[in-house]
Amino acid sequence: MNTINAMELTANYEEKLAVLKAEMSMTDKYIQQDNNDLTELENRYERLDIPYPVRRFLDDYIACMQTKYERLADLCYLAGERGLLADTEYRADKKIAAIR
């Protein structure tokens, strides 16, 4: 895949992914429940009486885990997109070869 196509795929992917995440956050009952649970846990966490260095460590750990899972989800989605494109290109190549 050339650089221009890769850049277009990345831009298109990021736009699609943002829309997909927003739609799922509003419509999927499991994600809504997770968001509600997360809000409750964040409120409880803020009320904990723990020293600043411990809170800072926990915040960093949570952020690292969250980033890791978001990147993994993004990579899985992108792999699916690329697989779909590869399959489409393969079928197009077969049709062109049949015509010749």
PDB file of N, CA and C in Angstrom:
ATOM      1  N   MET A   1       0.854  -1.165   0.000  1.00  0.00           N
ATOM      2  CA  MET A   1       0.000   0.000   0.000  1.00  0.00           C
ATOM      3  C   MET A   1       0.900   1.227   0.000  1.00  0.00           C
ATOM      4  N   ASN A   2       0.635   2.172  -0.918  1.00  0.00           N
ATOM      5  CA  ASN A   2       1.507   3.330  -0.960  1.00  0.00           C
ATOM      6  C   ASN A   2       1.170   4.308   0.166  1.00  0.00           C
ATOM      7  N   THR A   3       2.045   5.286   0.346  1.00  0.00           N
ATOM      8  CA  THR A   3       1.945   6.208   1.483  1.00  0.00           C
ATOM      9  C   THR A   3       0.662   7.025   1.435  1.00  0.00           C
ATOM     10  N   ILE A   4       0.276   7.500   0.266  1.00  0.00           N
ATOM     11  CA  ILE A   4      -0.940   8.321   0.158  1.00  0.00           C
ATOM     12  C   ILE A   4      -2.167   7.502   0.535  1.00  0.00           C
ATOM     13  N   ASN A   5      -2.251   6.278   0.030  1.00  0.00           N
ATOM     14  CA  ASN A   5      -3.381   5.420   0.396  1.00  0.00           C
ATOM     15  C   ASN A   5      -3.388   5.121   1.882  1.00  0.00           C
ATOM     16  N   ALA A   6      -2.225   4.898   2.451  1.00  0.00           N
ATOM     17  CA  ALA A   6      -2.140   4.621   3.887  1.00  0.00           C
ATOM     18  C   ALA A   6      -2.593   5.828   4.694  1.00  0.00           C
ATOM     19  N   MET A   7      -2.220   7.033   4.244  1.00  0.00           N
ATOM     20  CA  MET A   7      -2.633   8.248   4.946  1.00  0.00           C
ATOM     21  C   MET A   7      -4.141   8.445   4.841  1.00  0.00           C
ATOM     22  N   GLU A   8      -4.706   8.181   3.649  1.00  0.00           N
ATOM     23  CA  GLU A   8      -6.153   8.309   3.470  1.00  0.00           C
ATOM     24  C   GLU A   8      -6.880   7.295   4.337  1.00  0.00           C
ATOM     25  N   LEU A   9      -6.375   6.074   4.389  1.00  0.00           N
ATOM     26  CA  LEU A   9      -6.984   5.043   5.215  1.00  0.00           C
ATOM     27  C   LEU A   9      -6.945   5.442   6.688  1.00  0.00           C
ATOM     28  N   THR A  10      -5.823   5.982   7.133  1.00  0.00           N
ATOM     29  CA  THR A  10      -5.691   6.391   8.528  1.00  0.00           C
ATOM     30  C   THR A  10      -6.664   7.515   8.861  1.00  0.00           C
ATOM     31  N   ALA A  11      -6.750   8.532   8.005  1.00  0.00           N
ATOM     32  CA  ALA A  11      -7.662   9.650   8.250  1.00  0.00           C
ATOM     33  C   ALA A  11      -9.104   9.162   8.248  1.00  0.00           C
ATOM     34  N   ASN A  12      -9.443   8.320   7.287  1.00  0.00           N
ATOM     35  CA  ASN A  12     -10.786   7.774   7.194  1.00  0.00           C
ATOM     36  C   ASN A  12     -11.089   6.901   8.404  1.00  0.00           C
ATOM     37  N   TYR A  13     -10.133   6.114   8.810  1.00  0.00           N
ATOM     38  CA  TYR A  13     -10.276   5.235   9.967  1.00  0.00           C
ATOM     39  C   TYR A  13     -10.539   6.036  11.233  1.00  0.00           C
ATOM     40  N   GLU A  14      -9.752   7.095  11.447  1.00  0.00           N
ATOM     41  CA  GLU A  14      -9.904   7.893  12.657  1.00  0.00           C
ATOM     42  C   GLU A  14     -11.272   8.552  12.711  1.00  0.00           C
ATOM     43  N   GLU A  15     -11.747   9.034  11.574  1.00  0.00           N
ATOM     44  CA  GLU A  15     -13.061   9.670  11.527  1.00  0.00           C
ATOM     45  C   GLU A  15     -14.158   8.640  11.809  1.00  0.00           C
ATOM     46  N   LYS A  16     -14.074   7.489  11.139  1.00  0.00           N
ATOM     47  CA  LYS A  16     -15.068   6.428  11.362  1.00  0.00           C
ATOM     48  C   LYS A  16     -15.059   5.958  12.811  1.00  0.00           C
ATOM     49  N   LEU A  17     -13.880   5.800  13.361  1.00  0.00           N
ATOM     50  CA  LEU A  17     -13.759   5.305  14.728  1.00  0.00           C
ATOM     51  C   LEU A  17     -14.366   6.286  15.725  1.00  0.00           C
ATOM     52  N   ALA A  18     -14.143   7.573  15.520  1.00  0.00           N
ATOM     53  CA  ALA A  18     -14.710   8.583  16.420  1.00  0.00           C
ATOM     54  C   ALA A  18     -16.230   8.546  16.378  1.00  0.00           C
ATOM     55  N   VAL A  19     -16.796   8.441  15.186  1.00  0.00           N
ATOM     56  CA  VAL A  19     -18.249   8.369  15.041  1.00  0.00           C
ATOM     57  C   VAL A  19     -18.785   7.083  15.679  1.00  0.00           C
ATOM     58  N   LEU A  20     -18.117   5.979  15.408  1.00  0.00           N
ATOM     59  CA  LEU A  20     -18.535   4.696  15.963  1.00  0.00           C
ATOM     60  C   LEU A  20     -18.523   4.705  17.488  1.00  0.00           C
ATOM     61  N   LYS A  21     -17.460   5.246  18.085  1.00  0.00           N
ATOM     62  CA  LYS A  21     -17.367   5.319  19.544  1.00  0.00           C
ATOM     63  C   LYS A  21     -18.484   6.179  20.123  1.00  0.00           C
ATOM     64  N   ALA A  22     -18.753   7.318  19.484  1.00  0.00           N
ATOM     65  CA  ALA A  22     -19.813   8.208  19.971  1.00  0.00           C
ATOM     66  C   ALA A  22     -21.176   7.530  19.892  1.00  0.00           C
ATOM     67  N   GLU A  23     -21.448   6.862  18.776  1.00  0.00           N
ATOM     68  CA  GLU A  23     -22.727   6.167  18.613  1.00  0.00           C
ATOM     69  C   GLU A  23     -22.878   5.047  19.637  1.00  0.00           C
ATOM     70  N   MET A  24     -21.830   4.280  19.816  1.00  0.00           N
ATOM     71  CA  MET A  24     -21.902   3.163  20.755  1.00  0.00           C
ATOM     72  C   MET A  24     -22.072   3.650  22.193  1.00  0.00           C
ATOM     73  N   SER A  25     -21.436   4.753  22.518  1.00  0.00           N
ATOM     74  CA  SER A  25     -21.555   5.294  23.877  1.00  0.00           C
ATOM     75  C   SER A  25     -22.976   5.732  24.174  1.00  0.00           C
ATOM     76  N   MET A  26     -23.694   6.144  23.154  1.00  0.00           N
ATOM     77  CA  MET A  26     -25.060   6.620  23.358  1.00  0.00           C
ATOM     78  C   MET A  26     -26.100   5.515  23.230  1.00  0.00           C
ATOM     79  N   THR A  27     -25.787   4.448  22.516  1.00  0.00           N
ATOM     80  CA  THR A  27     -26.824   3.462  22.219  1.00  0.00           C
ATOM     81  C   THR A  27     -26.630   2.098  22.873  1.00  0.00           C
ATOM     82  N   ASP A  28     -25.416   1.696  23.135  1.00  0.00           N
ATOM     83  CA  ASP A  28     -25.169   0.363  23.682  1.00  0.00           C
ATOM     84  C   ASP A  28     -25.420   0.352  25.187  1.00  0.00           C
ATOM     85  N   LYS A  29     -26.350  -0.501  25.614  1.00  0.00           N
ATOM     86  CA  LYS A  29     -26.730  -0.506  27.037  1.00  0.00           C
ATOM     87  C   LYS A  29     -25.585  -0.965  27.935  1.00  0.00           C
ATOM     88  N   TYR A  30     -24.715  -1.825  27.447  1.00  0.00           N
ATOM     89  CA  TYR A  30     -23.589  -2.292  28.261  1.00  0.00           C
ATOM     90  C   TYR A  30     -22.558  -1.181  28.451  1.00  0.00           C
ATOM     91  N   ILE A  31     -22.302  -0.427  27.381  1.00  0.00           N
ATOM     92  CA  ILE A  31     -21.361   0.689  27.493  1.00  0.00           C
ATOM     93  C   ILE A  31     -21.946   1.780  28.387  1.00  0.00           C
ATOM     94  N   GLN A  32     -23.248   2.015  28.270  1.00  0.00           N
ATOM     95  CA  GLN A  32     -23.893   2.995  29.150  1.00  0.00           C
ATOM     96  C   GLN A  32     -23.755   2.583  30.613  1.00  0.00           C
ATOM     97  N   GLN A  33     -23.957   1.291  30.880  1.00  0.00           N
ATOM     98  CA  GLN A  33     -23.809   0.805  32.258  1.00  0.00           C
ATOM     99  C   GLN A  33     -22.366   0.939  32.729  1.00  0.00           C
ATOM    100  N   ASP A  34     -21.425   0.610  31.847  1.00  0.00           N
ATOM    101  CA  ASP A  34     -20.011   0.777  32.195  1.00  0.00           C
ATOM    102  C   ASP A  34     -19.697   2.239  32.505  1.00  0.00           C
ATOM    103  N   ASN A  35     -20.242   3.157  31.708  1.00  0.00           N
ATOM    104  CA  ASN A  35     -20.012   4.586  31.951  1.00  0.00           C
ATOM    105  C   ASN A  35     -20.596   5.027  33.288  1.00  0.00           C
ATOM    106  N   ASN A  36     -21.785   4.524  33.612  1.00  0.00           N
ATOM    107  CA  ASN A  36     -22.395   4.840  34.908  1.00  0.00           C
ATOM    108  C   ASN A  36     -21.560   4.277  36.052  1.00  0.00           C
ATOM    109  N   ASP A  37     -21.099   3.045  35.887  1.00  0.00           N
ATOM    110  CA  ASP A  37     -20.257   2.423  36.916  1.00  0.00           C
ATOM    111  C   ASP A  37     -18.955   3.199  37.085  1.00  0.00           C
ATOM    112  N   LEU A  38     -18.396   3.623  35.968  1.00  0.00           N
ATOM    113  CA  LEU A  38     -17.143   4.383  36.011  1.00  0.00           C
ATOM    114  C   LEU A  38     -17.336   5.704  36.759  1.00  0.00           C
ATOM    115  N   THR A  39     -18.433   6.376  36.506  1.00  0.00           N
ATOM    116  CA  THR A  39     -18.713   7.633  37.212  1.00  0.00           C
ATOM    117  C   THR A  39     -18.814   7.391  38.710  1.00  0.00           C
ATOM    118  N   GLU A  40     -19.500   6.331  39.089  1.00  0.00           N
ATOM    119  CA  GLU A  40     -19.643   6.001  40.517  1.00  0.00           C
ATOM    120  C   GLU A  40     -18.281   5.690  41.136  1.00  0.00           C
ATOM    121  N   LEU A  41     -17.473   4.898  40.445  1.00  0.00           N
ATOM    122  CA  LEU A  41     -16.148   4.564  40.965  1.00  0.00           C
ATOM    123  C   LEU A  41     -15.249   5.799  41.064  1.00  0.00           C
ATOM    124  N   GLU A  42     -15.347   6.683  40.078  1.00  0.00           N
ATOM    125  CA  GLU A  42     -14.550   7.917  40.135  1.00  0.00           C
ATOM    126  C   GLU A  42     -14.946   8.764  41.341  1.00  0.00           C
ATOM    127  N   ASN A  43     -16.243   8.854  41.612  1.00  0.00           N
ATOM    128  CA  ASN A  43     -16.713   9.613  42.776  1.00  0.00           C
ATOM    129  C   ASN A  43     -16.207   8.985  44.076  1.00  0.00           C
ATOM    130  N   ARG A  44     -16.271   7.666  44.157  1.00  0.00           N
ATOM    131  CA  ARG A  44     -15.781   6.985  45.355  1.00  0.00           C
ATOM    132  C   ARG A  44     -14.268   7.153  45.504  1.00  0.00           C
ATOM    133  N   TYR A  45     -13.557   7.091  44.401  1.00  0.00           N
ATOM    134  CA  TYR A  45     -12.102   7.251  44.410  1.00  0.00           C
ATOM    135  C   TYR A  45     -11.715   8.641  44.919  1.00  0.00           C
ATOM    136  N   GLU A  46     -12.436   9.659  44.463  1.00  0.00           N
ATOM    137  CA  GLU A  46     -12.140  11.030  44.882  1.00  0.00           C
ATOM    138  C   GLU A  46     -12.356  11.229  46.389  1.00  0.00           C
ATOM    139  N   ARG A  47     -13.255  10.456  46.970  1.00  0.00           N
ATOM    140  CA  ARG A  47     -13.535  10.580  48.409  1.00  0.00           C
ATOM    141  C   ARG A  47     -12.560   9.796  49.283  1.00  0.00           C
ATOM    142  N   LEU A  48     -11.726   8.954  48.673  1.00  0.00           N
ATOM    143  CA  LEU A  48     -10.760   8.185  49.461  1.00  0.00           C
ATOM    144  C   LEU A  48      -9.728   9.105  50.109  1.00  0.00           C
ATOM    145  N   ASP A  49      -9.388   8.769  51.331  1.00  0.00           N
ATOM    146  CA  ASP A  49      -8.371   9.541  52.045  1.00  0.00           C
ATOM    147  C   ASP A  49      -7.027   8.823  51.883  1.00  0.00           C
ATOM    148  N   ILE A  50      -6.359   9.123  50.756  1.00  0.00           N
ATOM    149  CA  ILE A  50      -5.069   8.488  50.491  1.00  0.00           C
ATOM    150  C   ILE A  50      -4.044   9.588  50.186  1.00  0.00           C
ATOM    151  N   PRO A  51      -2.789   9.319  50.505  1.00  0.00           N
ATOM    152  CA  PRO A  51      -1.736  10.318  50.270  1.00  0.00           C
ATOM    153  C   PRO A  51      -1.583  10.642  48.777  1.00  0.00           C
ATOM    154  N   TYR A  52      -1.141  11.846  48.498  1.00  0.00           N
ATOM    155  CA  TYR A  52      -0.972  12.297  47.117  1.00  0.00           C
ATOM    156  C   TYR A  52      -0.075  11.369  46.294  1.00  0.00           C
ATOM    157  N   PRO A  53       1.083  10.927  46.806  1.00  0.00           N
ATOM    158  CA  PRO A  53       1.936  10.043  45.975  1.00  0.00           C
ATOM    159  C   PRO A  53       1.227   8.736  45.579  1.00  0.00           C
ATOM    160  N   VAL A  54       0.411   8.211  46.463  1.00  0.00           N
ATOM    161  CA  VAL A  54      -0.324   6.982  46.151  1.00  0.00           C
ATOM    162  C   VAL A  54      -1.388   7.277  45.091  1.00  0.00           C
ATOM    163  N   ARG A  55      -2.097   8.387  45.271  1.00  0.00           N
ATOM    164  CA  ARG A  55      -3.129   8.763  44.294  1.00  0.00           C
ATOM    165  C   ARG A  55      -2.488   8.989  42.923  1.00  0.00           C
ATOM    166  N   ARG A  56      -1.355   9.643  42.898  1.00  0.00           N
ATOM    167  CA  ARG A  56      -0.648   9.916  41.641  1.00  0.00           C
ATOM    168  C   ARG A  56      -0.240   8.604  40.955  1.00  0.00           C
ATOM    169  N   PHE A  57       0.274   7.663  41.738  1.00  0.00           N
ATOM    170  CA  PHE A  57       0.653   6.358  41.203  1.00  0.00           C
ATOM    171  C   PHE A  57      -0.566   5.649  40.618  1.00  0.00           C
ATOM    172  N   LEU A  58      -1.661   5.633  41.348  1.00  0.00           N
ATOM    173  CA  LEU A  58      -2.878   4.971  40.865  1.00  0.00           C
ATOM    174  C   LEU A  58      -3.414   5.640  39.599  1.00  0.00           C
ATOM    175  N   ASP A  59      -3.387   6.968  39.564  1.00  0.00           N
ATOM    176  CA  ASP A  59      -3.838   7.688  38.371  1.00  0.00           C
ATOM    177  C   ASP A  59      -2.996   7.318  37.151  1.00  0.00           C
ATOM    178  N   ASP A  60      -1.686   7.273  37.339  1.00  0.00           N
ATOM    179  CA  ASP A  60      -0.795   6.905  36.237  1.00  0.00           C
ATOM    180  C   ASP A  60      -1.037   5.471  35.775  1.00  0.00           C
ATOM    181  N   TYR A  61      -1.229   4.571  36.716  1.00  0.00           N
ATOM    182  CA  TYR A  61      -1.478   3.168  36.387  1.00  0.00           C
ATOM    183  C   TYR A  61      -2.792   3.020  35.610  1.00  0.00           C
ATOM    184  N   ILE A  62      -3.823   3.674  36.085  1.00  0.00           N
ATOM    185  CA  ILE A  62      -5.126   3.602  35.422  1.00  0.00           C
ATOM    186  C   ILE A  62      -5.039   4.185  34.012  1.00  0.00           C
ATOM    187  N   ALA A  63      -4.367   5.317  33.873  1.00  0.00           N
ATOM    188  CA  ALA A  63      -4.226   5.943  32.553  1.00  0.00           C
ATOM    189  C   ALA A  63      -3.456   5.042  31.591  1.00  0.00           C
ATOM    190  N   CYS A  64      -2.427   4.393  32.087  1.00  0.00           N
ATOM    191  CA  CYS A  64      -1.630   3.491  31.253  1.00  0.00           C
ATOM    192  C   CYS A  64      -2.480   2.308  30.776  1.00  0.00           C
ATOM    193  N   MET A  65      -3.228   1.720  31.676  1.00  0.00           N
ATOM    194  CA  MET A  65      -4.080   0.585  31.310  1.00  0.00           C
ATOM    195  C   MET A  65      -5.151   1.015  30.304  1.00  0.00           C
ATOM    196  N   GLN A  66      -5.750   2.170  30.542  1.00  0.00           N
ATOM    197  CA  GLN A  66      -6.787   2.663  29.645  1.00  0.00           C
ATOM    198  C   GLN A  66      -6.229   2.902  28.244  1.00  0.00           C
ATOM    199  N   THR A  67      -5.077   3.536  28.164  1.00  0.00           N
ATOM    200  CA  THR A  67      -4.447   3.803  26.878  1.00  0.00           C
ATOM    201  C   THR A  67      -4.113   2.509  26.149  1.00  0.00           C
ATOM    202  N   LYS A  68      -3.616   1.544  26.888  1.00  0.00           N
ATOM    203  CA  LYS A  68      -3.259   0.253  26.289  1.00  0.00           C
ATOM    204  C   LYS A  68      -4.481  -0.406  25.647  1.00  0.00           C
ATOM    205  N   TYR A  69      -5.591  -0.433  26.358  1.00  0.00           N
ATOM    206  CA  TYR A  69      -6.792  -1.079  25.835  1.00  0.00           C
ATOM    207  C   TYR A  69      -7.416  -0.289  24.690  1.00  0.00           C
ATOM    208  N   GLU A  70      -7.339   1.034  24.743  1.00  0.00           N
ATOM    209  CA  GLU A  70      -7.845   1.843  23.637  1.00  0.00           C
ATOM    210  C   GLU A  70      -7.014   1.607  22.377  1.00  0.00           C
ATOM    211  N   ARG A  71      -5.703   1.552  22.524  1.00  0.00           N
ATOM    212  CA  ARG A  71      -4.840   1.296  21.363  1.00  0.00           C
ATOM    213  C   ARG A  71      -5.095  -0.093  20.790  1.00  0.00           C
ATOM    214  N   LEU A  72      -5.265  -1.067  21.660  1.00  0.00           N
ATOM    215  CA  LEU A  72      -5.550  -2.423  21.184  1.00  0.00           C
ATOM    216  C   LEU A  72      -6.868  -2.460  20.413  1.00  0.00           C
ATOM    217  N   ALA A  73      -7.888  -1.799  20.937  1.00  0.00           N
ATOM    218  CA  ALA A  73      -9.174  -1.757  20.238  1.00  0.00           C
ATOM    219  C   ALA A  73      -9.037  -1.059  18.889  1.00  0.00           C
ATOM    220  N   ASP A  74      -8.298   0.036  18.859  1.00  0.00           N
ATOM    221  CA  ASP A  74      -8.079   0.751  17.604  1.00  0.00           C
ATOM    222  C   ASP A  74      -7.330  -0.115  16.592  1.00  0.00           C
ATOM    223  N   LEU A  75      -6.318  -0.828  17.052  1.00  0.00           N
ATOM    224  CA  LEU A  75      -5.558  -1.700  16.149  1.00  0.00           C
ATOM    225  C   LEU A  75      -6.403  -2.853  15.624  1.00  0.00           C
ATOM    226  N   CYS A  76      -7.259  -3.398  16.469  1.00  0.00           N
ATOM    227  CA  CYS A  76      -8.155  -4.474  16.013  1.00  0.00           C
ATOM    228  C   CYS A  76      -9.111  -3.957  14.945  1.00  0.00           C
ATOM    229  N   TYR A  77      -9.651  -2.767  15.165  1.00  0.00           N
ATOM    230  CA  TYR A  77     -10.547  -2.175  14.180  1.00  0.00           C
ATOM    231  C   TYR A  77      -9.812  -1.930  12.866  1.00  0.00           C
ATOM    232  N   LEU A  78      -8.616  -1.361  12.955  1.00  0.00           N
ATOM    233  CA  LEU A  78      -7.832  -1.075  11.758  1.00  0.00           C
ATOM    234  C   LEU A  78      -7.463  -2.358  11.023  1.00  0.00           C
ATOM    235  N   ALA A  79      -7.141  -3.397  11.755  1.00  0.00           N
ATOM    236  CA  ALA A  79      -6.826  -4.684  11.122  1.00  0.00           C
ATOM    237  C   ALA A  79      -8.040  -5.203  10.356  1.00  0.00           C
ATOM    238  N   GLY A  80      -9.212  -5.035  10.910  1.00  0.00           N
ATOM    239  CA  GLY A  80     -10.442  -5.436  10.220  1.00  0.00           C
ATOM    240  C   GLY A  80     -10.669  -4.617   8.962  1.00  0.00           C
ATOM    241  N   GLU A  81     -10.423  -3.308   9.055  1.00  0.00           N
ATOM    242  CA  GLU A  81     -10.553  -2.437   7.878  1.00  0.00           C
ATOM    243  C   GLU A  81      -9.582  -2.860   6.787  1.00  0.00           C
ATOM    244  N   ARG A  82      -8.352  -3.096   7.170  1.00  0.00           N
ATOM    245  CA  ARG A  82      -7.338  -3.486   6.175  1.00  0.00           C
ATOM    246  C   ARG A  82      -7.680  -4.844   5.567  1.00  0.00           C
ATOM    247  N   GLY A  83      -8.177  -5.756   6.377  1.00  0.00           N
ATOM    248  CA  GLY A  83      -8.571  -7.055   5.868  1.00  0.00           C
ATOM    249  C   GLY A  83      -9.712  -6.936   4.881  1.00  0.00           C
ATOM    250  N   LEU A  84     -10.660  -6.073   5.183  1.00  0.00           N
ATOM    251  CA  LEU A  84     -11.778  -5.839   4.284  1.00  0.00           C
ATOM    252  C   LEU A  84     -11.298  -5.245   2.971  1.00  0.00           C
ATOM    253  N   LEU A  85     -10.380  -4.270   3.051  1.00  0.00           N
ATOM    254  CA  LEU A  85      -9.842  -3.671   1.843  1.00  0.00           C
ATOM    255  C   LEU A  85      -9.046  -4.679   1.025  1.00  0.00           C
ATOM    256  N   ALA A  86      -8.255  -5.485   1.690  1.00  0.00           N
ATOM    257  CA  ALA A  86      -7.459  -6.491   0.980  1.00  0.00           C
ATOM    258  C   ALA A  86      -8.370  -7.477   0.262  1.00  0.00           C
ATOM    259  N   ASP A  87      -9.452  -7.885   0.918  1.00  0.00           N
ATOM    260  CA  ASP A  87     -10.401  -8.810   0.309  1.00  0.00           C
ATOM    261  C   ASP A  87     -11.065  -8.161  -0.898  1.00  0.00           C
ATOM    262  N   THR A  88     -11.425  -6.891  -0.788  1.00  0.00           N
ATOM    263  CA  THR A  88     -12.043  -6.164  -1.897  1.00  0.00           C
ATOM    264  C   THR A  88     -11.080  -6.053  -3.065  1.00  0.00           C
ATOM    265  N   GLU A  89      -9.808  -5.725  -2.785  1.00  0.00           N
ATOM    266  CA  GLU A  89      -8.806  -5.624  -3.848  1.00  0.00           C
ATOM    267  C   GLU A  89      -8.605  -6.981  -4.527  1.00  0.00           C
ATOM    268  N   TYR A  90      -8.604  -8.064  -3.716  1.00  0.00           N
ATOM    269  CA  TYR A  90      -8.419  -9.409  -4.264  1.00  0.00           C
ATOM    270  C   TYR A  90      -9.563  -9.746  -5.225  1.00  0.00           C
ATOM    271  N   ARG A  91     -10.786  -9.464  -4.838  1.00  0.00           N
ATOM    272  CA  ARG A  91     -11.933  -9.753  -5.699  1.00  0.00           C
ATOM    273  C   ARG A  91     -11.893  -8.915  -6.962  1.00  0.00           C
ATOM    274  N   ALA A  92     -11.488  -7.635  -6.828  1.00  0.00           N
ATOM    275  CA  ALA A  92     -11.386  -6.774  -8.006  1.00  0.00           C
ATOM    276  C   ALA A  92     -10.320  -7.307  -8.958  1.00  0.00           C
ATOM    277  N   ASP A  93      -9.197  -7.740  -8.416  1.00  0.00           N
ATOM    278  CA  ASP A  93      -8.137  -8.310  -9.255  1.00  0.00           C
ATOM    279  C   ASP A  93      -8.629  -9.552  -9.992  1.00  0.00           C
ATOM    280  N   LYS A  94      -9.409 -10.399  -9.327  1.00  0.00           N
ATOM    281  CA  LYS A  94      -9.941 -11.604  -9.963  1.00  0.00           C
ATOM    282  C   LYS A  94     -10.893 -11.252 -11.095  1.00  0.00           C
ATOM    283  N   LYS A  95     -11.721 -10.231 -10.907  1.00  0.00           N
ATOM    284  CA  LYS A  95     -12.675  -9.819 -11.944  1.00  0.00           C
ATOM    285  C   LYS A  95     -11.922  -9.262 -13.144  1.00  0.00           C
ATOM    286  N   ILE A  96     -10.896  -8.464 -12.891  1.00  0.00           N
ATOM    287  CA  ILE A  96     -10.095  -7.899 -13.979  1.00  0.00           C
ATOM    288  C   ILE A  96      -9.400  -9.009 -14.745  1.00  0.00           C
ATOM    289  N   ALA A  97      -8.857  -9.981 -14.043  1.00  0.00           N
ATOM    290  CA  ALA A  97      -8.175 -11.097 -14.700  1.00  0.00           C
ATOM    291  C   ALA A  97      -9.157 -11.919 -15.533  1.00  0.00           C
ATOM    292  N   ALA A  98     -10.379 -12.075 -15.052  1.00  0.00           N
ATOM    293  CA  ALA A  98     -11.382 -12.832 -15.795  1.00  0.00           C
ATOM    294  C   ALA A  98     -11.785 -12.132 -17.077  1.00  0.00           C
ATOM    295  N   ILE A  99     -11.796 -10.816 -17.037  1.00  0.00           N
ATOM    296  CA  ILE A  99     -12.162 -10.037 -18.208  1.00  0.00           C
ATOM    297  C   ILE A  99     -11.098 -10.155 -19.289  1.00  0.00           C
ATOM    298  N   ARG A 100      -9.853 -10.173 -18.858  1.00  0.00           N
ATOM    299  CA  ARG A 100      -8.736 -10.239 -19.816  1.00  0.00           C
ATOM    300  C   ARG A 100      -8.714 -11.590 -20.405  1.00  0.00           C
TER     301      ARG A 100
END
